Every structure is written in structure tokens, then in C-alpha cells.
mmCIF file of all heavy atoms, coordinates in Angstrom:
data_MODEL
# 
_entry.id   MODEL 
# 
loop_
_atom_site.group_PDB 
_atom_site.id 
_atom_site.type_symbol 
_atom_site.label_atom_id 
_atom_site.label_alt_id 
_atom_site.label_comp_id 
_atom_site.label_asym_id 
_atom_site.label_entity_id 
_atom_site.label_seq_id 
_atom_site.pdbx_PDB_ins_code 
_atom_site.Cartn_x 
_atom_site.Cartn_y 
_atom_site.Cartn_z 
_atom_site.occupancy 
_atom_site.B_iso_or_equiv 
_atom_site.pdbx_formal_charge 
_atom_site.auth_seq_id 
_atom_site.auth_comp_id 
_atom_site.auth_asym_id 
_atom_site.auth_atom_id 
_atom_site.pdbx_PDB_model_num 
ATOM 1   N N   . PHE A 1 1  ? 56.582 -70.091 10.207 1.00 0.00 ? 1  PHE A N   1 
ATOM 2   C CA  . PHE A 1 1  ? 57.304 -69.710 9.000  1.00 0.00 ? 1  PHE A CA  1 
ATOM 3   C C   . PHE A 1 1  ? 58.651 -69.094 9.328  1.00 0.00 ? 1  PHE A C   1 
ATOM 4   O O   . PHE A 1 1  ? 59.647 -69.315 8.666  1.00 0.00 ? 1  PHE A O   1 
ATOM 5   C CB  . PHE A 1 1  ? 56.449 -68.808 8.122  1.00 0.00 ? 1  PHE A CB  1 
ATOM 6   C CG  . PHE A 1 1  ? 55.502 -69.511 7.203  1.00 0.00 ? 1  PHE A CG  1 
ATOM 7   C CD1 . PHE A 1 1  ? 54.257 -69.922 7.604  1.00 0.00 ? 1  PHE A CD1 1 
ATOM 8   C CD2 . PHE A 1 1  ? 55.889 -69.795 5.890  1.00 0.00 ? 1  PHE A CD2 1 
ATOM 9   C CE1 . PHE A 1 1  ? 53.428 -70.589 6.752  1.00 0.00 ? 1  PHE A CE1 1 
ATOM 10  C CE2 . PHE A 1 1  ? 55.064 -70.465 5.020  1.00 0.00 ? 1  PHE A CE2 1 
ATOM 11  C CZ  . PHE A 1 1  ? 53.795 -70.849 5.456  1.00 0.00 ? 1  PHE A CZ  1 
ATOM 12  N N   . LYS A 1 2  ? 58.695 -68.252 10.387 1.00 0.00 ? 2  LYS A N   1 
ATOM 13  C CA  . LYS A 1 2  ? 59.956 -67.627 10.792 1.00 0.00 ? 2  LYS A CA  1 
ATOM 14  C C   . LYS A 1 2  ? 60.920 -68.662 11.309 1.00 0.00 ? 2  LYS A C   1 
ATOM 15  O O   . LYS A 1 2  ? 62.124 -68.642 10.958 1.00 0.00 ? 2  LYS A O   1 
ATOM 16  C CB  . LYS A 1 2  ? 59.694 -66.557 11.866 1.00 0.00 ? 2  LYS A CB  1 
ATOM 17  C CG  . LYS A 1 2  ? 59.047 -65.280 11.366 1.00 0.00 ? 2  LYS A CG  1 
ATOM 18  C CD  . LYS A 1 2  ? 58.825 -64.287 12.502 1.00 0.00 ? 2  LYS A CD  1 
ATOM 19  C CE  . LYS A 1 2  ? 58.253 -62.974 11.984 1.00 0.00 ? 2  LYS A CE  1 
ATOM 20  N NZ  . LYS A 1 2  ? 57.992 -62.026 13.061 1.00 0.00 ? 2  LYS A NZ  1 
ATOM 21  N N   . ALA A 1 3  ? 60.428 -69.576 12.116 1.00 0.00 ? 3  ALA A N   1 
ATOM 22  C CA  . ALA A 1 3  ? 61.273 -70.658 12.612 1.00 0.00 ? 3  ALA A CA  1 
ATOM 23  C C   . ALA A 1 3  ? 61.786 -71.533 11.464 1.00 0.00 ? 3  ALA A C   1 
ATOM 24  O O   . ALA A 1 3  ? 62.969 -71.930 11.432 1.00 0.00 ? 3  ALA A O   1 
ATOM 25  C CB  . ALA A 1 3  ? 60.500 -71.518 13.618 1.00 0.00 ? 3  ALA A CB  1 
ATOM 26  N N   . PHE A 1 4  ? 60.927 -71.822 10.505 1.00 0.00 ? 4  PHE A N   1 
ATOM 27  C CA  . PHE A 1 4  ? 61.311 -72.592 9.313  1.00 0.00 ? 4  PHE A CA  1 
ATOM 28  C C   . PHE A 1 4  ? 62.422 -71.857 8.561  1.00 0.00 ? 4  PHE A C   1 
ATOM 29  O O   . PHE A 1 4  ? 63.419 -72.440 8.146  1.00 0.00 ? 4  PHE A O   1 
ATOM 30  C CB  . PHE A 1 4  ? 60.073 -72.766 8.454  1.00 0.00 ? 4  PHE A CB  1 
ATOM 31  C CG  . PHE A 1 4  ? 60.330 -73.351 7.097  1.00 0.00 ? 4  PHE A CG  1 
ATOM 32  C CD1 . PHE A 1 4  ? 60.763 -74.657 6.977  1.00 0.00 ? 4  PHE A CD1 1 
ATOM 33  C CD2 . PHE A 1 4  ? 60.098 -72.624 5.940  1.00 0.00 ? 4  PHE A CD2 1 
ATOM 34  C CE1 . PHE A 1 4  ? 60.985 -75.255 5.734  1.00 0.00 ? 4  PHE A CE1 1 
ATOM 35  C CE2 . PHE A 1 4  ? 60.315 -73.183 4.697  1.00 0.00 ? 4  PHE A CE2 1 
ATOM 36  C CZ  . PHE A 1 4  ? 60.746 -74.509 4.566  1.00 0.00 ? 4  PHE A CZ  1 
ATOM 37  N N   . ALA A 1 5  ? 62.269 -70.524 8.444  1.00 0.00 ? 5  ALA A N   1 
ATOM 38  C CA  . ALA A 1 5  ? 63.268 -69.753 7.734  1.00 0.00 ? 5  ALA A CA  1 
ATOM 39  C C   . ALA A 1 5  ? 64.645 -69.779 8.426  1.00 0.00 ? 5  ALA A C   1 
ATOM 40  O O   . ALA A 1 5  ? 65.668 -69.959 7.771  1.00 0.00 ? 5  ALA A O   1 
ATOM 41  C CB  . ALA A 1 5  ? 62.785 -68.306 7.578  1.00 0.00 ? 5  ALA A CB  1 
ATOM 42  N N   . ARG A 1 6  ? 64.620 -69.654 9.745  1.00 0.00 ? 6  ARG A N   1 
ATOM 43  C CA  . ARG A 1 6  ? 65.877 -69.650 10.495 1.00 0.00 ? 6  ARG A CA  1 
ATOM 44  C C   . ARG A 1 6  ? 66.529 -71.038 10.442 1.00 0.00 ? 6  ARG A C   1 
ATOM 45  O O   . ARG A 1 6  ? 67.727 -71.157 10.429 1.00 0.00 ? 6  ARG A O   1 
ATOM 46  C CB  . ARG A 1 6  ? 65.658 -69.181 11.930 1.00 0.00 ? 6  ARG A CB  1 
ATOM 47  C CG  . ARG A 1 6  ? 65.139 -67.797 12.084 1.00 0.00 ? 6  ARG A CG  1 
ATOM 48  C CD  . ARG A 1 6  ? 66.063 -66.798 11.407 1.00 0.00 ? 6  ARG A CD  1 
ATOM 49  N NE  . ARG A 1 6  ? 67.350 -66.681 12.015 1.00 0.00 ? 6  ARG A NE  1 
ATOM 50  C CZ  . ARG A 1 6  ? 67.635 -65.819 13.007 1.00 0.00 ? 6  ARG A CZ  1 
ATOM 51  N NH1 . ARG A 1 6  ? 66.719 -64.962 13.446 1.00 0.00 ? 6  ARG A NH1 1 
ATOM 52  N NH2 . ARG A 1 6  ? 68.842 -65.784 13.505 1.00 0.00 ? 6  ARG A NH2 1 
ATOM 53  N N   . ALA A 1 7  ? 65.718 -72.081 10.425 1.00 0.00 ? 7  ALA A N   1 
ATOM 54  C CA  . ALA A 1 7  ? 66.219 -73.428 10.336 1.00 0.00 ? 7  ALA A CA  1 
ATOM 55  C C   . ALA A 1 7  ? 66.890 -73.635 8.940  1.00 0.00 ? 7  ALA A C   1 
ATOM 56  O O   . ALA A 1 7  ? 67.970 -74.210 8.787  1.00 0.00 ? 7  ALA A O   1 
ATOM 57  C CB  . ALA A 1 7  ? 65.127 -74.468 10.540 1.00 0.00 ? 7  ALA A CB  1 
ATOM 58  N N   . ILE A 1 8  ? 66.230 -73.095 7.904  1.00 0.00 ? 8  ILE A N   1 
ATOM 59  C CA  . ILE A 1 8  ? 66.803 -73.157 6.549  1.00 0.00 ? 8  ILE A CA  1 
ATOM 60  C C   . ILE A 1 8  ? 68.146 -72.435 6.525  1.00 0.00 ? 8  ILE A C   1 
ATOM 61  O O   . ILE A 1 8  ? 69.123 -72.891 5.955  1.00 0.00 ? 8  ILE A O   1 
ATOM 62  C CB  . ILE A 1 8  ? 65.832 -72.548 5.513  1.00 0.00 ? 8  ILE A CB  1 
ATOM 63  C CG1 . ILE A 1 8  ? 64.710 -73.523 5.217  1.00 0.00 ? 8  ILE A CG1 1 
ATOM 64  C CG2 . ILE A 1 8  ? 66.583 -72.171 4.207  1.00 0.00 ? 8  ILE A CG2 1 
ATOM 65  C CD1 . ILE A 1 8  ? 63.674 -72.959 4.241  1.00 0.00 ? 8  ILE A CD1 1 
ATOM 66  N N   . LYS A 1 9  ? 68.142 -71.212 7.084  1.00 0.00 ? 9  LYS A N   1 
ATOM 67  C CA  . LYS A 1 9  ? 69.399 -70.422 7.086  1.00 0.00 ? 9  LYS A CA  1 
ATOM 68  C C   . LYS A 1 9  ? 70.561 -71.209 7.696  1.00 0.00 ? 9  LYS A C   1 
ATOM 69  O O   . LYS A 1 9  ? 71.673 -71.182 7.171  1.00 0.00 ? 9  LYS A O   1 
ATOM 70  C CB  . LYS A 1 9  ? 69.135 -69.127 7.884  1.00 0.00 ? 9  LYS A CB  1 
ATOM 71  C CG  . LYS A 1 9  ? 70.323 -68.199 7.921  1.00 0.00 ? 9  LYS A CG  1 
ATOM 72  C CD  . LYS A 1 9  ? 70.000 -66.924 8.707  1.00 0.00 ? 9  LYS A CD  1 
ATOM 73  C CE  . LYS A 1 9  ? 71.201 -65.983 8.707  1.00 0.00 ? 9  LYS A CE  1 
ATOM 74  N NZ  . LYS A 1 9  ? 70.876 -64.731 9.509  1.00 0.00 ? 9  LYS A NZ  1 
ATOM 75  N N   . MET A 1 10 ? 70.273 -71.917 8.780  1.00 0.00 ? 10 MET A N   1 
ATOM 76  C CA  . MET A 1 10 ? 71.295 -72.706 9.417  1.00 0.00 ? 10 MET A CA  1 
ATOM 77  C C   . MET A 1 10 ? 71.716 -73.920 8.561  1.00 0.00 ? 10 MET A C   1 
ATOM 78  O O   . MET A 1 10 ? 72.877 -74.201 8.388  1.00 0.00 ? 10 MET A O   1 
ATOM 79  C CB  . MET A 1 10 ? 70.806 -73.194 10.769 1.00 0.00 ? 10 MET A CB  1 
ATOM 80  C CG  . MET A 1 10 ? 71.867 -73.837 11.670 1.00 0.00 ? 10 MET A CG  1 
ATOM 81  S SD  . MET A 1 10 ? 71.117 -74.409 13.227 1.00 0.00 ? 10 MET A SD  1 
ATOM 82  C CE  . MET A 1 10 ? 70.482 -72.894 13.896 1.00 0.00 ? 10 MET A CE  1 
ATOM 83  N N   . ALA A 1 11 ? 70.702 -74.594 7.994  1.00 0.00 ? 11 ALA A N   1 
ATOM 84  C CA  . ALA A 1 11 ? 70.972 -75.853 7.288  1.00 0.00 ? 11 ALA A CA  1 
ATOM 85  C C   . ALA A 1 11 ? 71.703 -75.673 5.929  1.00 0.00 ? 11 ALA A C   1 
ATOM 86  O O   . ALA A 1 11 ? 72.468 -76.523 5.512  1.00 0.00 ? 11 ALA A O   1 
ATOM 87  C CB  . ALA A 1 11 ? 69.684 -76.597 7.072  1.00 0.00 ? 11 ALA A CB  1 
ATOM 88  N N   . VAL A 1 12 ? 71.446 -74.551 5.246  1.00 0.00 ? 12 VAL A N   1 
ATOM 89  C CA  . VAL A 1 12 ? 72.043 -74.359 3.928  1.00 0.00 ? 12 VAL A CA  1 
ATOM 90  C C   . VAL A 1 12 ? 73.367 -73.641 4.001  1.00 0.00 ? 12 VAL A C   1 
ATOM 91  O O   . VAL A 1 12 ? 74.034 -73.441 2.992  1.00 0.00 ? 12 VAL A O   1 
ATOM 92  C CB  . VAL A 1 12 ? 71.087 -73.599 2.951  1.00 0.00 ? 12 VAL A CB  1 
ATOM 93  C CG1 . VAL A 1 12 ? 69.774 -74.314 2.784  1.00 0.00 ? 12 VAL A CG1 1 
ATOM 94  C CG2 . VAL A 1 12 ? 70.890 -72.123 3.388  1.00 0.00 ? 12 VAL A CG2 1 
ATOM 95  N N   . ARG A 1 13 ? 73.775 -73.239 5.213  1.00 0.00 ? 13 ARG A N   1 
ATOM 96  C CA  . ARG A 1 13 ? 75.066 -72.572 5.392  1.00 0.00 ? 13 ARG A CA  1 
ATOM 97  C C   . ARG A 1 13 ? 76.146 -73.487 4.859  1.00 0.00 ? 13 ARG A C   1 
ATOM 98  O O   . ARG A 1 13 ? 76.165 -74.722 5.091  1.00 0.00 ? 13 ARG A O   1 
ATOM 99  C CB  . ARG A 1 13 ? 75.306 -72.271 6.858  1.00 0.00 ? 13 ARG A CB  1 
ATOM 100 C CG  . ARG A 1 13 ? 76.582 -71.432 7.130  1.00 0.00 ? 13 ARG A CG  1 
ATOM 101 C CD  . ARG A 1 13 ? 76.766 -71.223 8.620  1.00 0.00 ? 13 ARG A CD  1 
ATOM 102 N NE  . ARG A 1 13 ? 75.647 -70.484 9.187  1.00 0.00 ? 13 ARG A NE  1 
ATOM 103 C CZ  . ARG A 1 13 ? 75.084 -70.834 10.340 1.00 0.00 ? 13 ARG A CZ  1 
ATOM 104 N NH1 . ARG A 1 13 ? 75.487 -71.891 11.015 1.00 0.00 ? 13 ARG A NH1 1 
ATOM 105 N NH2 . ARG A 1 13 ? 74.053 -70.127 10.800 1.00 0.00 ? 13 ARG A NH2 1 
ATOM 106 N N   . LYS A 1 14 ? 77.108 -72.920 4.124  1.00 0.00 ? 14 LYS A N   1 
ATOM 107 C CA  . LYS A 1 14 ? 78.096 -73.730 3.434  1.00 0.00 ? 14 LYS A CA  1 
ATOM 108 C C   . LYS A 1 14 ? 79.509 -73.382 3.912  1.00 0.00 ? 14 LYS A C   1 
ATOM 109 O O   . LYS A 1 14 ? 79.844 -72.225 4.075  1.00 0.00 ? 14 LYS A O   1 
ATOM 110 C CB  . LYS A 1 14 ? 77.990 -73.517 1.925  1.00 0.00 ? 14 LYS A CB  1 
ATOM 111 C CG  . LYS A 1 14 ? 78.694 -74.572 1.093  1.00 0.00 ? 14 LYS A CG  1 
ATOM 112 C CD  . LYS A 1 14 ? 78.374 -74.414 -0.389 1.00 0.00 ? 14 LYS A CD  1 
ATOM 113 C CE  . LYS A 1 14 ? 79.041 -75.497 -1.217 1.00 0.00 ? 14 LYS A CE  1 
ATOM 114 N NZ  . LYS A 1 14 ? 78.706 -75.368 -2.649 1.00 0.00 ? 14 LYS A NZ  1 
ATOM 115 N N   . ASP A 1 15 ? 80.306 -74.424 4.141  1.00 0.00 ? 15 ASP A N   1 
ATOM 116 C CA  . ASP A 1 15 ? 81.722 -74.161 4.442  1.00 0.00 ? 15 ASP A CA  1 
ATOM 117 C C   . ASP A 1 15 ? 82.570 -74.437 3.210  1.00 0.00 ? 15 ASP A C   1 
ATOM 118 O O   . ASP A 1 15 ? 82.041 -74.715 2.132  1.00 0.00 ? 15 ASP A O   1 
ATOM 119 C CB  . ASP A 1 15 ? 82.193 -75.049 5.641  1.00 0.00 ? 15 ASP A CB  1 
ATOM 120 C CG  . ASP A 1 15 ? 81.994 -76.528 5.375  1.00 0.00 ? 15 ASP A CG  1 
ATOM 121 O OD1 . ASP A 1 15 ? 82.197 -76.933 4.205  1.00 0.00 ? 15 ASP A OD1 1 
ATOM 122 O OD2 . ASP A 1 15 ? 81.672 -77.275 6.320  1.00 0.00 ? 15 ASP A OD2 1 
ATOM 123 N N   . ASP A 1 16 ? 83.867 -74.321 3.317  1.00 0.00 ? 16 ASP A N   1 
ATOM 124 C CA  . ASP A 1 16 ? 84.719 -74.489 2.171  1.00 0.00 ? 16 ASP A CA  1 
ATOM 125 C C   . ASP A 1 16 ? 85.283 -75.907 2.034  1.00 0.00 ? 16 ASP A C   1 
ATOM 126 O O   . ASP A 1 16 ? 86.101 -76.172 1.150  1.00 0.00 ? 16 ASP A O   1 
ATOM 127 C CB  . ASP A 1 16 ? 85.913 -73.518 2.269  1.00 0.00 ? 16 ASP A CB  1 
ATOM 128 C CG  . ASP A 1 16 ? 85.454 -72.064 2.215  1.00 0.00 ? 16 ASP A CG  1 
ATOM 129 O OD1 . ASP A 1 16 ? 84.484 -71.771 1.493  1.00 0.00 ? 16 ASP A OD1 1 
ATOM 130 O OD2 . ASP A 1 16 ? 86.073 -71.206 2.889  1.00 0.00 ? 16 ASP A OD2 1 
ATOM 131 N N   . SER A 1 17 ? 84.816 -76.802 2.859  1.00 0.00 ? 17 SER A N   1 
ATOM 132 C CA  . SER A 1 17 ? 85.371 -78.155 2.831  1.00 0.00 ? 17 SER A CA  1 
ATOM 133 C C   . SER A 1 17 ? 84.926 -78.970 1.643  1.00 0.00 ? 17 SER A C   1 
ATOM 134 O O   . SER A 1 17 ? 85.693 -79.785 1.094  1.00 0.00 ? 17 SER A O   1 
ATOM 135 C CB  . SER A 1 17 ? 84.934 -78.911 4.128  1.00 0.00 ? 17 SER A CB  1 
ATOM 136 O OG  . SER A 1 17 ? 83.535 -79.134 4.116  1.00 0.00 ? 17 SER A OG  1 
ATOM 137 N N   . GLY A 1 18 ? 83.712 -78.690 1.149  1.00 0.00 ? 18 GLY A N   1 
ATOM 138 C CA  . GLY A 1 18 ? 83.179 -79.484 0.032  1.00 0.00 ? 18 GLY A CA  1 
ATOM 139 C C   . GLY A 1 18 ? 82.892 -80.920 0.434  1.00 0.00 ? 18 GLY A C   1 
ATOM 140 O O   . GLY A 1 18 ? 82.733 -81.804 -0.432 1.00 0.00 ? 18 GLY A O   1 
ATOM 141 N N   . ILE A 1 19 ? 82.826 -81.208 1.759  1.00 0.00 ? 19 ILE A N   1 
ATOM 142 C CA  . ILE A 1 19 ? 82.587 -82.566 2.204  1.00 0.00 ? 19 ILE A CA  1 
ATOM 143 C C   . ILE A 1 19 ? 81.115 -82.876 2.175  1.00 0.00 ? 19 ILE A C   1 
ATOM 144 O O   . ILE A 1 19 ? 80.274 -82.063 2.550  1.00 0.00 ? 19 ILE A O   1 
ATOM 145 C CB  . ILE A 1 19 ? 83.145 -82.692 3.668  1.00 0.00 ? 19 ILE A CB  1 
ATOM 146 C CG1 . ILE A 1 19 ? 84.658 -82.502 3.654  1.00 0.00 ? 19 ILE A CG1 1 
ATOM 147 C CG2 . ILE A 1 19 ? 82.780 -84.090 4.238  1.00 0.00 ? 19 ILE A CG2 1 
ATOM 148 C CD1 . ILE A 1 19 ? 85.269 -82.473 5.052  1.00 0.00 ? 19 ILE A CD1 1 
ATOM 149 N N   . MET A 1 20 ? 80.797 -84.091 1.766  1.00 0.00 ? 20 MET A N   1 
ATOM 150 C CA  . MET A 1 20 ? 79.393 -84.566 1.794  1.00 0.00 ? 20 MET A CA  1 
ATOM 151 C C   . MET A 1 20 ? 78.984 -84.780 3.237  1.00 0.00 ? 20 MET A C   1 
ATOM 152 O O   . MET A 1 20 ? 79.620 -85.532 3.974  1.00 0.00 ? 20 MET A O   1 
ATOM 153 C CB  . MET A 1 20 ? 79.278 -85.854 1.011  1.00 0.00 ? 20 MET A CB  1 
ATOM 154 C CG  . MET A 1 20 ? 77.864 -86.449 0.963  1.00 0.00 ? 20 MET A CG  1 
ATOM 155 S SD  . MET A 1 20 ? 76.737 -85.429 0.040  1.00 0.00 ? 20 MET A SD  1 
ATOM 156 C CE  . MET A 1 20 ? 77.394 -85.588 -1.597 1.00 0.00 ? 20 MET A CE  1 
ATOM 157 N N   . PRO A 1 21 ? 77.920 -84.098 3.697  1.00 0.00 ? 21 PRO A N   1 
ATOM 158 C CA  . PRO A 1 21 ? 77.518 -84.200 5.089  1.00 0.00 ? 21 PRO A CA  1 
ATOM 159 C C   . PRO A 1 21 ? 76.772 -85.506 5.392  1.00 0.00 ? 21 PRO A C   1 
ATOM 160 O O   . PRO A 1 21 ? 75.635 -85.509 5.867  1.00 0.00 ? 21 PRO A O   1 
ATOM 161 C CB  . PRO A 1 21 ? 76.636 -82.959 5.280  1.00 0.00 ? 21 PRO A CB  1 
ATOM 162 C CG  . PRO A 1 21 ? 76.017 -82.736 3.938  1.00 0.00 ? 21 PRO A CG  1 
ATOM 163 C CD  . PRO A 1 21 ? 77.073 -83.139 2.960  1.00 0.00 ? 21 PRO A CD  1 
ATOM 164 N N   . SER A 1 22 ? 77.409 -86.619 5.094  1.00 0.00 ? 22 SER A N   1 
ATOM 165 C CA  . SER A 1 22 ? 76.775 -87.924 5.320  1.00 0.00 ? 22 SER A CA  1 
ATOM 166 C C   . SER A 1 22 ? 77.872 -88.997 5.402  1.00 0.00 ? 22 SER A C   1 
ATOM 167 O O   . SER A 1 22 ? 78.790 -88.980 4.571  1.00 0.00 ? 22 SER A O   1 
ATOM 168 C CB  . SER A 1 22 ? 75.802 -88.285 4.213  1.00 0.00 ? 22 SER A CB  1 
ATOM 169 O OG  . SER A 1 22 ? 75.341 -89.614 4.340  1.00 0.00 ? 22 SER A OG  1 
ATOM 170 N N   . THR A 1 23 ? 77.748 -89.902 6.348  1.00 0.00 ? 23 THR A N   1 
ATOM 171 C CA  . THR A 1 23 ? 78.699 -90.987 6.443  1.00 0.00 ? 23 THR A CA  1 
ATOM 172 C C   . THR A 1 23 ? 78.577 -91.937 5.273  1.00 0.00 ? 23 THR A C   1 
ATOM 173 O O   . THR A 1 23 ? 79.479 -92.700 4.994  1.00 0.00 ? 23 THR A O   1 
ATOM 174 C CB  . THR A 1 23 ? 78.501 -91.751 7.770  1.00 0.00 ? 23 THR A CB  1 
ATOM 175 O OG1 . THR A 1 23 ? 77.130 -92.189 7.839  1.00 0.00 ? 23 THR A OG1 1 
ATOM 176 C CG2 . THR A 1 23 ? 78.793 -90.852 8.972  1.00 0.00 ? 23 THR A CG2 1 
ATOM 177 N N   . LYS A 1 24 ? 77.462 -91.873 4.573  1.00 0.00 ? 24 LYS A N   1 
ATOM 178 C CA  . LYS A 1 24 ? 77.250 -92.754 3.422  1.00 0.00 ? 24 LYS A CA  1 
ATOM 179 C C   . LYS A 1 24 ? 77.921 -92.235 2.181  1.00 0.00 ? 24 LYS A C   1 
ATOM 180 O O   . LYS A 1 24 ? 78.059 -92.929 1.153  1.00 0.00 ? 24 LYS A O   1 
ATOM 181 C CB  . LYS A 1 24 ? 75.733 -92.917 3.148  1.00 0.00 ? 24 LYS A CB  1 
ATOM 182 C CG  . LYS A 1 24 ? 74.984 -93.602 4.250  1.00 0.00 ? 24 LYS A CG  1 
ATOM 183 C CD  . LYS A 1 24 ? 73.504 -93.683 3.888  1.00 0.00 ? 24 LYS A CD  1 
ATOM 184 C CE  . LYS A 1 24 ? 72.714 -94.349 5.039  1.00 0.00 ? 24 LYS A CE  1 
ATOM 185 N NZ  . LYS A 1 24 ? 71.253 -94.441 4.725  1.00 0.00 ? 24 LYS A NZ  1 
ATOM 186 N N   . GLY A 1 25 ? 78.333 -90.963 2.215  1.00 0.00 ? 25 GLY A N   1 
ATOM 187 C CA  . GLY A 1 25 ? 78.997 -90.343 1.078  1.00 0.00 ? 25 GLY A CA  1 
ATOM 188 C C   . GLY A 1 25 ? 78.073 -89.843 -0.016 1.00 0.00 ? 25 GLY A C   1 
ATOM 189 O O   . GLY A 1 25 ? 78.527 -89.429 -1.065 1.00 0.00 ? 25 GLY A O   1 
# 
């Protein structure tokens, strides 16, 4: 559960680019 939480923390981090994180768009 702790590892899951830290993975979530990393994955939902947001930058200011507003770019879709996928080559498919």
C-alpha cells in the first residue's frame, strides 16, 4: 500500500505544460 501510494504520488504529479502524456493525443 505504501509503494502504491508513492507510485500514485509520482504518476499524478502535474506540470504546467498541459500536454497529453501520450503520442496518440
